[in-house]
Amino acid sequence: MSKKLKFFRIGKIKLGAIDFKTSIDVATFWVLLFTLIAVIVYTSIAWFQTSIASDTARRQLRAYVGVGDPSFDGKFPNNIMIEVENGGQTPAYNLRTHLNRKWISANELLPNNFDYPDFGSPNDKGSISYLNPGQKRIFTFPMDHSELDKTRKGEIKLFIYGHVDYVDIYGVSRSSEFSYSYSGVNDDKGGVTHILTMQNNHNEAE
């Protein structure tokens, strides 16, 4: 007497003829299937957890270069200084500081679509090979004090902005941006107070 065979399908794939009386019963098949699914799920979870742990470690160990408030070198300055500090746990490499100035008429506003372009190449004095954890460095850039005079007289509006570029120990290029508006005032004794106001856009300064 011939045995009745059953065909098992997954989707549109016919796995073949299975004799459940002489080969493998249905219960065993489902146990094996669920076991395979469990292994796949466990492996995926383990990989995901390992990936999160690795990403967290990278975030904790990498360099974080912050930018402090700019300062001037005197009452009628010829230079502006930018201080940067590595607040991370590993060095920052190929560090380069860019500084730009943008002035507009006193009755104008900075356009909403202003993309803070770099004018010219970065100053060589604004570049160093590395910055160690906890280390600070001041970069000096030339400043046209006549622009500050015009701003204090209400003739123009002056914006000072830029960014610090560096590479972390994982080879990832990173950048910290800064942006200020200038509004100095003259006092009765001939002195000058230089005021820099942090802008909301293009800014990661501290």
N, C-alpha and C. Protein backbone atom coordinates (compact mmCIF):
# COMPACT_ATOMS: atom_id res chain seq x y z
N MET A 1 0.85 -1.20 0.00
CA MET A 1 0.00 0.00 0.00
C MET A 1 0.89 1.25 0.00
N SER A 2 0.65 2.16 -0.91
CA SER A 2 1.50 3.36 -1.00
C SER A 2 1.16 4.35 0.10
N LYS A 3 2.20 5.07 0.53
CA LYS A 3 2.01 6.08 1.58
C LYS A 3 1.60 7.40 0.95
N LYS A 4 0.75 8.14 1.65
CA LYS A 4 0.32 9.44 1.15
C LYS A 4 1.36 10.48 1.53
N LEU A 5 1.84 11.22 0.56
CA LEU A 5 2.85 12.25 0.80
C LEU A 5 2.19 13.62 0.81
N LYS A 6 2.75 14.50 1.62
CA LYS A 6 2.26 15.87 1.70
C LYS A 6 3.35 16.82 1.24
N PHE A 7 2.95 17.88 0.51
CA PHE A 7 3.90 18.89 0.06
C PHE A 7 3.80 20.10 0.99
N PHE A 8 4.97 20.61 1.39
CA PHE A 8 5.01 21.77 2.29
C PHE A 8 5.52 22.98 1.52
N ARG A 9 4.79 24.09 1.63
CA ARG A 9 5.15 25.31 0.91
C ARG A 9 5.47 26.45 1.87
N ILE A 10 6.46 27.29 1.51
CA ILE A 10 6.70 28.57 2.17
C ILE A 10 6.60 29.62 1.09
N GLY A 11 5.56 30.44 1.16
CA GLY A 11 5.31 31.39 0.09
C GLY A 11 4.97 30.63 -1.18
N LYS A 12 5.77 30.83 -2.22
CA LYS A 12 5.54 30.15 -3.48
C LYS A 12 6.56 29.05 -3.74
N ILE A 13 7.35 28.71 -2.69
CA ILE A 13 8.42 27.73 -2.86
C ILE A 13 7.95 26.37 -2.37
N LYS A 14 8.00 25.37 -3.20
CA LYS A 14 7.64 24.01 -2.80
C LYS A 14 8.91 23.34 -2.27
N LEU A 15 8.90 23.01 -0.98
CA LEU A 15 10.08 22.42 -0.37
C LEU A 15 10.27 20.97 -0.78
N GLY A 16 9.20 20.31 -1.15
CA GLY A 16 9.35 18.92 -1.58
C GLY A 16 8.37 18.02 -0.88
N ALA A 17 8.42 16.80 -1.21
CA ALA A 17 7.50 15.82 -0.63
C ALA A 17 8.04 15.33 0.70
N ILE A 18 7.24 15.44 1.73
CA ILE A 18 7.66 15.01 3.06
C ILE A 18 6.72 13.90 3.54
N ASP A 19 7.29 12.80 3.90
CA ASP A 19 6.51 11.72 4.50
C ASP A 19 6.59 11.88 6.00
N PHE A 20 5.51 12.46 6.60
CA PHE A 20 5.53 12.76 8.02
C PHE A 20 5.59 11.51 8.90
N LYS A 21 5.34 10.35 8.34
CA LYS A 21 5.37 9.12 9.14
C LYS A 21 6.76 8.53 9.20
N THR A 22 7.60 8.79 8.16
CA THR A 22 8.93 8.18 8.13
C THR A 22 10.06 9.19 8.20
N SER A 23 9.80 10.52 8.01
CA SER A 23 10.88 11.51 7.99
C SER A 23 10.88 12.39 9.22
N ILE A 24 10.15 13.46 9.20
CA ILE A 24 10.14 14.41 10.31
C ILE A 24 8.72 14.85 10.56
N ASP A 25 8.31 14.86 11.79
CA ASP A 25 6.92 15.23 12.07
C ASP A 25 6.78 16.74 12.15
N VAL A 26 5.55 17.18 12.15
CA VAL A 26 5.26 18.61 12.13
C VAL A 26 5.80 19.33 13.36
N ALA A 27 5.65 18.73 14.52
CA ALA A 27 6.08 19.36 15.78
C ALA A 27 7.57 19.63 15.77
N THR A 28 8.37 18.67 15.30
CA THR A 28 9.81 18.85 15.25
C THR A 28 10.19 19.95 14.28
N PHE A 29 9.49 20.00 13.16
CA PHE A 29 9.76 21.04 12.18
C PHE A 29 9.57 22.43 12.77
N TRP A 30 8.46 22.64 13.48
CA TRP A 30 8.20 23.95 14.06
C TRP A 30 9.19 24.29 15.16
N VAL A 31 9.63 23.29 15.92
CA VAL A 31 10.64 23.53 16.95
C VAL A 31 11.93 24.03 16.32
N LEU A 32 12.33 23.36 15.23
CA LEU A 32 13.55 23.79 14.54
C LEU A 32 13.40 25.19 13.95
N LEU A 33 12.22 25.48 13.40
CA LEU A 33 11.99 26.80 12.80
C LEU A 33 12.06 27.89 13.85
N PHE A 34 11.37 27.68 14.99
CA PHE A 34 11.39 28.67 16.06
C PHE A 34 12.78 28.83 16.65
N THR A 35 13.54 27.73 16.72
CA THR A 35 14.91 27.81 17.21
C THR A 35 15.77 28.68 16.31
N LEU A 36 15.60 28.49 14.99
CA LEU A 36 16.34 29.29 14.03
C LEU A 36 15.98 30.77 14.15
N ILE A 37 14.69 31.06 14.29
CA ILE A 37 14.26 32.46 14.45
C ILE A 37 14.84 33.07 15.71
N ALA A 38 14.84 32.28 16.81
CA ALA A 38 15.37 32.78 18.08
C ALA A 38 16.86 33.11 17.97
N VAL A 39 17.62 32.25 17.25
CA VAL A 39 19.05 32.49 17.06
C VAL A 39 19.27 33.77 16.27
N ILE A 40 18.47 33.97 15.22
CA ILE A 40 18.60 35.17 14.41
C ILE A 40 18.29 36.42 15.22
N VAL A 41 17.22 36.38 16.01
CA VAL A 41 16.83 37.53 16.84
C VAL A 41 17.91 37.83 17.87
N TYR A 42 18.41 36.80 18.54
CA TYR A 42 19.44 36.97 19.57
C TYR A 42 20.70 37.58 18.96
N THR A 43 21.10 37.07 17.79
CA THR A 43 22.30 37.58 17.13
C THR A 43 22.13 39.05 16.75
N SER A 44 20.94 39.41 16.26
CA SER A 44 20.67 40.79 15.87
C SER A 44 20.72 41.72 17.09
N ILE A 45 20.13 41.28 18.21
CA ILE A 45 20.14 42.10 19.43
C ILE A 45 21.57 42.28 19.94
N ALA A 46 22.35 41.20 19.92
CA ALA A 46 23.74 41.28 20.39
C ALA A 46 24.54 42.24 19.52
N TRP A 47 24.33 42.17 18.20
CA TRP A 47 25.04 43.08 17.30
C TRP A 47 24.65 44.52 17.55
N PHE A 48 23.34 44.76 17.77
CA PHE A 48 22.85 46.11 18.00
C PHE A 48 23.42 46.68 19.30
N GLN A 49 23.46 45.86 20.36
CA GLN A 49 24.01 46.32 21.63
C GLN A 49 25.49 46.62 21.52
N THR A 50 26.22 45.77 20.78
CA THR A 50 27.64 46.00 20.58
C THR A 50 27.89 47.28 19.80
N SER A 51 27.04 47.52 18.80
CA SER A 51 27.17 48.74 18.00
C SER A 51 26.93 49.98 18.84
N ILE A 52 25.91 49.93 19.71
CA ILE A 52 25.62 51.08 20.59
C ILE A 52 26.77 51.33 21.55
N ALA A 53 27.31 50.24 22.13
CA ALA A 53 28.41 50.38 23.08
C ALA A 53 29.64 50.97 22.40
N SER A 54 29.91 50.54 21.16
CA SER A 54 31.06 51.06 20.42
C SER A 54 30.87 52.53 20.09
N ASP A 55 29.66 52.91 19.69
CA ASP A 55 29.38 54.31 19.36
C ASP A 55 29.49 55.19 20.60
N THR A 56 29.00 54.69 21.75
CA THR A 56 29.10 55.44 23.00
C THR A 56 30.55 55.66 23.40
N ALA A 57 31.37 54.61 23.24
CA ALA A 57 32.79 54.71 23.58
C ALA A 57 33.48 55.74 22.70
N ARG A 58 33.15 55.73 21.42
CA ARG A 58 33.75 56.69 20.50
C ARG A 58 33.36 58.12 20.87
N ARG A 59 32.10 58.32 21.26
CA ARG A 59 31.66 59.65 21.65
C ARG A 59 32.37 60.12 22.92
N GLN A 60 32.61 59.21 23.85
CA GLN A 60 33.25 59.58 25.11
C GLN A 60 34.74 59.87 24.93
N LEU A 61 35.37 59.18 24.00
CA LEU A 61 36.81 59.28 23.87
C LEU A 61 37.27 60.34 22.87
N ARG A 62 36.43 60.73 21.93
CA ARG A 62 36.90 61.61 20.86
C ARG A 62 37.14 63.03 21.36
N ALA A 63 37.84 63.80 20.55
CA ALA A 63 38.11 65.20 20.86
C ALA A 63 36.86 66.05 20.69
N TYR A 64 36.71 67.06 21.56
CA TYR A 64 35.64 68.05 21.46
C TYR A 64 36.29 69.43 21.56
N VAL A 65 36.42 70.11 20.44
CA VAL A 65 37.05 71.42 20.43
C VAL A 65 35.99 72.50 20.53
N GLY A 66 36.04 73.27 21.62
CA GLY A 66 35.10 74.36 21.84
C GLY A 66 35.74 75.71 21.56
N VAL A 67 34.90 76.70 21.31
CA VAL A 67 35.36 78.05 20.97
C VAL A 67 34.90 79.02 22.04
N GLY A 68 35.83 79.81 22.56
CA GLY A 68 35.49 80.82 23.55
C GLY A 68 35.15 82.15 22.89
N ASP A 69 34.78 83.15 23.70
CA ASP A 69 34.45 84.47 23.16
C ASP A 69 35.70 85.13 22.56
N PRO A 70 35.56 85.75 21.38
CA PRO A 70 36.69 86.50 20.81
C PRO A 70 37.05 87.69 21.69
N SER A 71 38.27 88.16 21.57
CA SER A 71 38.72 89.34 22.32
C SER A 71 39.63 90.18 21.43
N PHE A 72 39.80 91.44 21.82
CA PHE A 72 40.63 92.35 21.03
C PHE A 72 41.92 92.67 21.80
N ASP A 73 42.92 93.18 21.07
CA ASP A 73 44.23 93.41 21.69
C ASP A 73 44.42 94.84 22.17
N GLY A 74 43.36 95.58 22.36
CA GLY A 74 43.51 96.93 22.90
C GLY A 74 42.31 97.80 22.61
N LYS A 75 42.42 99.08 23.01
CA LYS A 75 41.33 100.03 22.82
C LYS A 75 41.03 100.24 21.34
N PHE A 76 42.09 100.38 20.56
CA PHE A 76 41.94 100.54 19.11
C PHE A 76 42.68 99.36 18.47
N PRO A 77 42.04 98.24 18.42
CA PRO A 77 42.73 96.99 18.10
C PRO A 77 43.12 96.83 16.63
N ASN A 78 44.23 96.14 16.46
CA ASN A 78 44.66 95.72 15.13
C ASN A 78 44.52 94.21 14.96
N ASN A 79 44.15 93.55 16.05
CA ASN A 79 44.02 92.10 16.01
C ASN A 79 42.82 91.63 16.83
N ILE A 80 42.31 90.48 16.46
CA ILE A 80 41.25 89.83 17.23
C ILE A 80 41.73 88.42 17.55
N MET A 81 41.46 87.99 18.78
CA MET A 81 41.94 86.68 19.23
C MET A 81 40.77 85.72 19.43
N ILE A 82 41.00 84.48 19.00
CA ILE A 82 40.02 83.42 19.16
C ILE A 82 40.64 82.32 20.02
N GLU A 83 40.02 82.01 21.15
CA GLU A 83 40.53 80.94 22.02
C GLU A 83 39.76 79.65 21.79
N VAL A 84 40.47 78.56 21.63
CA VAL A 84 39.84 77.25 21.47
C VAL A 84 40.39 76.32 22.55
N GLU A 85 39.59 75.33 22.91
CA GLU A 85 39.99 74.38 23.95
C GLU A 85 39.48 72.99 23.58
N ASN A 86 40.31 72.00 23.80
CA ASN A 86 39.92 70.61 23.57
C ASN A 86 39.35 70.05 24.88
N GLY A 87 38.02 69.89 24.92
CA GLY A 87 37.37 69.37 26.11
C GLY A 87 37.17 67.87 26.08
N GLY A 88 37.73 67.20 25.07
CA GLY A 88 37.61 65.75 24.96
C GLY A 88 38.72 65.02 25.68
N GLN A 89 38.79 63.70 25.45
CA GLN A 89 39.77 62.87 26.13
C GLN A 89 40.93 62.44 25.24
N THR A 90 40.89 62.83 23.98
CA THR A 90 41.95 62.47 23.04
C THR A 90 42.31 63.69 22.20
N PRO A 91 43.48 63.69 21.56
CA PRO A 91 43.91 64.88 20.80
C PRO A 91 43.02 65.17 19.59
N ALA A 92 43.02 66.45 19.21
CA ALA A 92 42.41 66.89 17.96
C ALA A 92 43.56 67.19 17.00
N TYR A 93 43.48 66.65 15.78
CA TYR A 93 44.57 66.79 14.82
C TYR A 93 44.19 67.73 13.68
N ASN A 94 45.24 68.25 13.03
CA ASN A 94 45.07 69.12 11.85
C ASN A 94 44.07 70.24 12.13
N LEU A 95 44.24 70.89 13.25
CA LEU A 95 43.29 71.92 13.69
C LEU A 95 43.55 73.22 12.91
N ARG A 96 42.49 73.80 12.39
CA ARG A 96 42.60 75.01 11.61
C ARG A 96 41.43 75.94 11.95
N THR A 97 41.76 77.20 12.21
CA THR A 97 40.75 78.19 12.59
C THR A 97 40.51 79.17 11.44
N HIS A 98 39.25 79.36 11.10
CA HIS A 98 38.86 80.31 10.05
C HIS A 98 38.11 81.47 10.72
N LEU A 99 38.43 82.70 10.33
CA LEU A 99 37.71 83.86 10.85
C LEU A 99 37.34 84.77 9.68
N ASN A 100 36.11 85.25 9.68
CA ASN A 100 35.60 86.11 8.62
C ASN A 100 34.87 87.31 9.22
N ARG A 101 34.82 88.38 8.45
CA ARG A 101 34.06 89.57 8.86
C ARG A 101 33.10 89.92 7.74
N LYS A 102 31.89 90.28 8.13
CA LYS A 102 30.87 90.69 7.17
C LYS A 102 30.22 91.96 7.67
N TRP A 103 30.29 93.02 6.89
CA TRP A 103 29.61 94.24 7.31
C TRP A 103 28.55 94.62 6.28
N ILE A 104 27.48 95.21 6.80
CA ILE A 104 26.35 95.66 5.97
C ILE A 104 25.96 97.06 6.43
N SER A 105 25.15 97.73 5.66
CA SER A 105 24.69 99.07 6.03
C SER A 105 23.91 99.02 7.34
N ALA A 106 23.94 100.11 8.04
CA ALA A 106 23.30 100.16 9.36
C ALA A 106 21.80 99.91 9.30
N ASN A 107 21.19 100.25 8.16
CA ASN A 107 19.73 100.09 8.03
C ASN A 107 19.34 98.75 7.40
N GLU A 108 20.31 97.86 7.22
CA GLU A 108 20.03 96.55 6.63
C GLU A 108 20.03 95.46 7.69
N LEU A 109 19.49 94.30 7.30
CA LEU A 109 19.52 93.12 8.14
C LEU A 109 20.29 92.02 7.43
N LEU A 110 20.91 91.16 8.19
CA LEU A 110 21.61 90.03 7.59
C LEU A 110 20.57 89.12 6.95
N PRO A 111 20.72 88.76 5.68
CA PRO A 111 19.70 87.94 4.99
C PRO A 111 19.45 86.62 5.72
N ASN A 112 18.21 86.15 5.66
CA ASN A 112 17.87 84.87 6.31
C ASN A 112 18.60 83.70 5.68
N ASN A 113 18.91 83.84 4.40
CA ASN A 113 19.60 82.74 3.70
C ASN A 113 21.12 82.93 3.68
N PHE A 114 21.64 83.80 4.50
CA PHE A 114 23.10 84.00 4.57
C PHE A 114 23.76 82.71 5.02
N ASP A 115 24.71 82.22 4.23
CA ASP A 115 25.31 80.90 4.50
C ASP A 115 26.70 80.97 5.12
N TYR A 116 27.10 82.14 5.62
CA TYR A 116 28.36 82.32 6.34
C TYR A 116 29.55 81.78 5.55
N PRO A 117 29.82 82.35 4.38
CA PRO A 117 30.92 81.85 3.55
C PRO A 117 32.29 82.24 4.11
N ASP A 118 33.31 81.49 3.69
CA ASP A 118 34.68 81.84 4.02
C ASP A 118 35.22 82.76 2.93
N PHE A 119 35.83 83.87 3.36
CA PHE A 119 36.44 84.81 2.43
C PHE A 119 37.94 84.57 2.43
N GLY A 120 38.44 84.02 1.33
CA GLY A 120 39.86 83.74 1.25
C GLY A 120 40.22 82.46 1.99
N SER A 121 41.52 82.20 2.08
CA SER A 121 42.02 80.99 2.74
C SER A 121 42.28 81.26 4.21
N PRO A 122 42.31 80.23 5.03
CA PRO A 122 42.56 80.43 6.46
C PRO A 122 43.96 80.95 6.70
N ASN A 123 44.12 81.75 7.75
CA ASN A 123 45.41 82.30 8.11
C ASN A 123 46.32 81.16 8.60
N ASP A 124 47.56 81.13 8.12
CA ASP A 124 48.48 80.09 8.54
C ASP A 124 48.70 80.11 10.06
N LYS A 125 48.58 81.30 10.65
CA LYS A 125 48.74 81.40 12.10
C LYS A 125 47.58 80.75 12.84
N GLY A 126 46.51 80.43 12.09
CA GLY A 126 45.36 79.79 12.71
C GLY A 126 45.37 78.29 12.57
N SER A 127 46.56 77.71 12.33
CA SER A 127 46.65 76.28 12.12
C SER A 127 47.72 75.66 13.02
N ILE A 128 47.42 74.52 13.59
CA ILE A 128 48.39 73.75 14.36
C ILE A 128 48.17 72.27 14.05
N SER A 129 49.18 71.45 14.35
CA SER A 129 49.11 70.03 14.00
C SER A 129 48.20 69.25 14.94
N TYR A 130 48.16 69.63 16.22
CA TYR A 130 47.30 68.91 17.16
C TYR A 130 47.04 69.76 18.40
N LEU A 131 45.97 69.41 19.12
CA LEU A 131 45.60 70.06 20.37
C LEU A 131 45.27 68.96 21.37
N ASN A 132 46.06 68.86 22.43
CA ASN A 132 45.89 67.78 23.39
C ASN A 132 44.66 67.99 24.28
N PRO A 133 44.17 66.94 24.94
CA PRO A 133 43.02 67.08 25.85
C PRO A 133 43.29 68.10 26.94
N GLY A 134 42.34 69.00 27.17
CA GLY A 134 42.49 70.03 28.19
C GLY A 134 43.34 71.21 27.78
N GLN A 135 43.95 71.15 26.62
CA GLN A 135 44.83 72.23 26.17
C GLN A 135 44.03 73.35 25.52
N LYS A 136 44.47 74.60 25.77
CA LYS A 136 43.87 75.77 25.16
C LYS A 136 44.89 76.41 24.21
N ARG A 137 44.35 77.10 23.23
CA ARG A 137 45.22 77.80 22.29
C ARG A 137 44.51 79.05 21.80
N ILE A 138 45.25 80.16 21.73
CA ILE A 138 44.70 81.42 21.22
C ILE A 138 45.26 81.68 19.83
N PHE A 139 44.36 81.92 18.88
CA PHE A 139 44.74 82.24 17.52
C PHE A 139 44.48 83.73 17.27
N THR A 140 45.43 84.40 16.64
CA THR A 140 45.34 85.83 16.40
C THR A 140 45.16 86.12 14.92
N PHE A 141 44.19 86.99 14.63
CA PHE A 141 43.90 87.38 13.24
C PHE A 141 43.91 88.90 13.13
N PRO A 142 44.39 89.45 12.01
CA PRO A 142 44.39 90.91 11.84
C PRO A 142 42.98 91.47 11.80
N MET A 143 42.86 92.69 12.32
CA MET A 143 41.54 93.33 12.40
C MET A 143 41.66 94.77 11.92
N ASP A 144 40.75 95.22 11.08
CA ASP A 144 40.72 96.60 10.62
C ASP A 144 39.89 97.40 11.61
N HIS A 145 40.56 98.16 12.47
CA HIS A 145 39.82 98.87 13.53
C HIS A 145 38.92 99.96 12.98
N SER A 146 39.12 100.37 11.69
CA SER A 146 38.23 101.37 11.10
C SER A 146 36.81 100.80 10.98
N GLU A 147 36.69 99.50 10.78
CA GLU A 147 35.37 98.87 10.72
C GLU A 147 34.67 98.97 12.08
N LEU A 148 35.45 98.84 13.15
CA LEU A 148 34.88 98.98 14.49
C LEU A 148 34.44 100.42 14.72
N ASP A 149 35.25 101.38 14.24
CA ASP A 149 34.89 102.80 14.39
C ASP A 149 33.57 103.10 13.68
N LYS A 150 33.43 102.60 12.46
CA LYS A 150 32.21 102.85 11.69
C LYS A 150 30.99 102.22 12.37
N THR A 151 31.22 101.07 12.99
CA THR A 151 30.10 100.41 13.69
C THR A 151 29.67 101.22 14.90
N ARG A 152 30.65 101.72 15.66
CA ARG A 152 30.31 102.51 16.85
C ARG A 152 29.63 103.83 16.47
N LYS A 153 29.93 104.35 15.28
CA LYS A 153 29.30 105.59 14.82
C LYS A 153 27.93 105.34 14.19
N GLY A 154 27.53 104.07 14.10
CA GLY A 154 26.22 103.74 13.55
C GLY A 154 26.16 103.72 12.03
N GLU A 155 27.33 103.67 11.38
CA GLU A 155 27.36 103.70 9.92
C GLU A 155 27.17 102.30 9.32
N ILE A 156 27.64 101.28 10.00
CA ILE A 156 27.53 99.91 9.49
C ILE A 156 27.19 98.96 10.64
N LYS A 157 26.81 97.74 10.27
CA LYS A 157 26.70 96.63 11.21
C LYS A 157 27.79 95.64 10.88
N LEU A 158 28.46 95.13 11.91
CA LEU A 158 29.60 94.25 11.69
C LEU A 158 29.35 92.90 12.35
N PHE A 159 29.59 91.84 11.57
CA PHE A 159 29.45 90.47 12.07
C PHE A 159 30.80 89.77 11.95
N ILE A 160 31.17 89.09 12.99
CA ILE A 160 32.43 88.33 13.03
C ILE A 160 32.07 86.87 13.24
N TYR A 161 32.50 86.02 12.33
CA TYR A 161 32.11 84.61 12.41
C TYR A 161 33.21 83.72 11.85
N GLY A 162 33.08 82.45 12.06
CA GLY A 162 34.07 81.51 11.53
C GLY A 162 33.82 80.10 12.04
N HIS A 163 34.84 79.28 11.94
CA HIS A 163 34.72 77.90 12.40
C HIS A 163 36.10 77.32 12.65
N VAL A 164 36.15 76.32 13.52
CA VAL A 164 37.38 75.60 13.83
C VAL A 164 37.22 74.17 13.31
N ASP A 165 38.09 73.77 12.41
CA ASP A 165 38.03 72.43 11.83
C ASP A 165 39.13 71.56 12.43
N TYR A 166 38.82 70.29 12.64
CA TYR A 166 39.82 69.37 13.19
C TYR A 166 39.43 67.94 12.85
N VAL A 167 40.34 67.02 13.11
CA VAL A 167 40.12 65.60 12.86
C VAL A 167 40.31 64.85 14.17
N ASP A 168 39.38 63.96 14.53
CA ASP A 168 39.51 63.22 15.78
C ASP A 168 40.34 61.95 15.57
N ILE A 169 40.53 61.16 16.63
CA ILE A 169 41.41 59.99 16.55
C ILE A 169 40.84 58.90 15.66
N TYR A 170 39.56 59.00 15.32
CA TYR A 170 38.93 58.01 14.44
C TYR A 170 38.99 58.43 12.97
N GLY A 171 39.66 59.57 12.70
CA GLY A 171 39.79 60.03 11.33
C GLY A 171 38.58 60.78 10.81
N VAL A 172 37.67 61.18 11.71
CA VAL A 172 36.45 61.88 11.32
C VAL A 172 36.70 63.40 11.36
N SER A 173 36.41 64.08 10.28
CA SER A 173 36.56 65.54 10.23
C SER A 173 35.38 66.20 10.94
N ARG A 174 35.68 67.16 11.81
CA ARG A 174 34.64 67.84 12.59
C ARG A 174 34.85 69.34 12.55
N SER A 175 33.80 70.09 12.93
CA SER A 175 33.88 71.54 12.87
C SER A 175 33.05 72.16 13.99
N SER A 176 33.59 73.22 14.60
CA SER A 176 32.86 73.99 15.62
C SER A 176 32.71 75.41 15.11
N GLU A 177 31.48 75.91 15.06
CA GLU A 177 31.19 77.21 14.46
C GLU A 177 31.00 78.29 15.53
N PHE A 178 31.24 79.54 15.13
CA PHE A 178 30.99 80.67 16.04
C PHE A 178 30.54 81.87 15.22
N SER A 179 29.75 82.75 15.84
CA SER A 179 29.23 83.93 15.15
C SER A 179 28.84 84.99 16.17
N TYR A 180 29.30 86.22 15.95
CA TYR A 180 29.02 87.34 16.86
C TYR A 180 28.70 88.59 16.05
N SER A 181 27.95 89.48 16.66
CA SER A 181 27.78 90.83 16.11
C SER A 181 28.53 91.80 17.03
N TYR A 182 29.10 92.83 16.43
CA TYR A 182 29.89 93.81 17.20
C TYR A 182 29.08 95.08 17.41
N SER A 183 29.17 95.63 18.63
CA SER A 183 28.47 96.89 18.93
C SER A 183 29.19 97.61 20.06
N GLY A 184 30.38 98.12 19.77
CA GLY A 184 31.14 98.84 20.79
C GLY A 184 30.59 100.23 21.05
N VAL A 185 31.00 100.81 22.17
CA VAL A 185 30.56 102.17 22.54
C VAL A 185 31.76 102.98 23.01
N ASN A 186 31.71 104.30 22.76
CA ASN A 186 32.73 105.23 23.24
C ASN A 186 32.27 105.87 24.53
N ASP A 187 33.19 106.03 25.49
CA ASP A 187 32.81 106.70 26.74
C ASP A 187 33.28 108.16 26.71
N ASP A 188 32.93 108.91 27.76
CA ASP A 188 33.24 110.34 27.81
C ASP A 188 34.73 110.63 27.95
N LYS A 189 35.49 109.66 28.40
CA LYS A 189 36.91 109.86 28.65
C LYS A 189 37.78 109.39 27.47
N GLY A 190 37.15 109.13 26.34
CA GLY A 190 37.90 108.70 25.18
C GLY A 190 38.17 107.21 25.13
N GLY A 191 37.60 106.49 26.06
CA GLY A 191 37.77 105.05 26.08
C GLY A 191 36.76 104.35 25.19
N VAL A 192 36.99 103.09 24.97
CA VAL A 192 36.12 102.29 24.11
C VAL A 192 35.79 100.99 24.80
N THR A 193 34.52 100.64 24.77
CA THR A 193 34.09 99.33 25.26
C THR A 193 33.64 98.50 24.07
N HIS A 194 34.32 97.38 23.86
CA HIS A 194 34.00 96.51 22.74
C HIS A 194 33.00 95.44 23.20
N ILE A 195 31.87 95.37 22.50
CA ILE A 195 30.81 94.44 22.87
C ILE A 195 30.58 93.46 21.72
N LEU A 196 30.65 92.18 22.04
CA LEU A 196 30.38 91.12 21.07
C LEU A 196 29.18 90.33 21.55
N THR A 197 28.15 90.25 20.72
CA THR A 197 26.93 89.55 21.08
C THR A 197 26.82 88.26 20.27
N MET A 198 26.69 87.14 20.97
CA MET A 198 26.59 85.85 20.30
C MET A 198 25.31 85.76 19.48
N GLN A 199 25.43 85.27 18.25
CA GLN A 199 24.28 85.11 17.37
C GLN A 199 23.69 83.70 17.50
N ASN A 200 22.40 83.60 17.19
CA ASN A 200 21.73 82.30 17.30
C ASN A 200 22.17 81.33 16.21
N ASN A 201 22.38 81.85 15.02
CA ASN A 201 22.74 80.99 13.90
C ASN A 201 24.25 80.81 13.80
N HIS A 202 24.66 79.68 13.23
CA HIS A 202 26.07 79.40 12.96
C HIS A 202 26.88 79.53 14.25
N ASN A 203 26.43 78.91 15.31
CA ASN A 203 27.09 79.12 16.59
C ASN A 203 27.11 77.89 17.46
N GLU A 204 28.32 77.50 17.86
CA GLU A 204 28.52 76.47 18.87
C GLU A 204 29.51 76.95 19.92
N ALA A 205 29.69 78.28 19.99
CA ALA A 205 30.63 78.85 20.94
C ALA A 205 30.09 78.68 22.36
N GLU A 206 30.99 78.74 23.34
CA GLU A 206 30.61 78.55 24.73
C GLU A 206 30.62 79.88 25.48
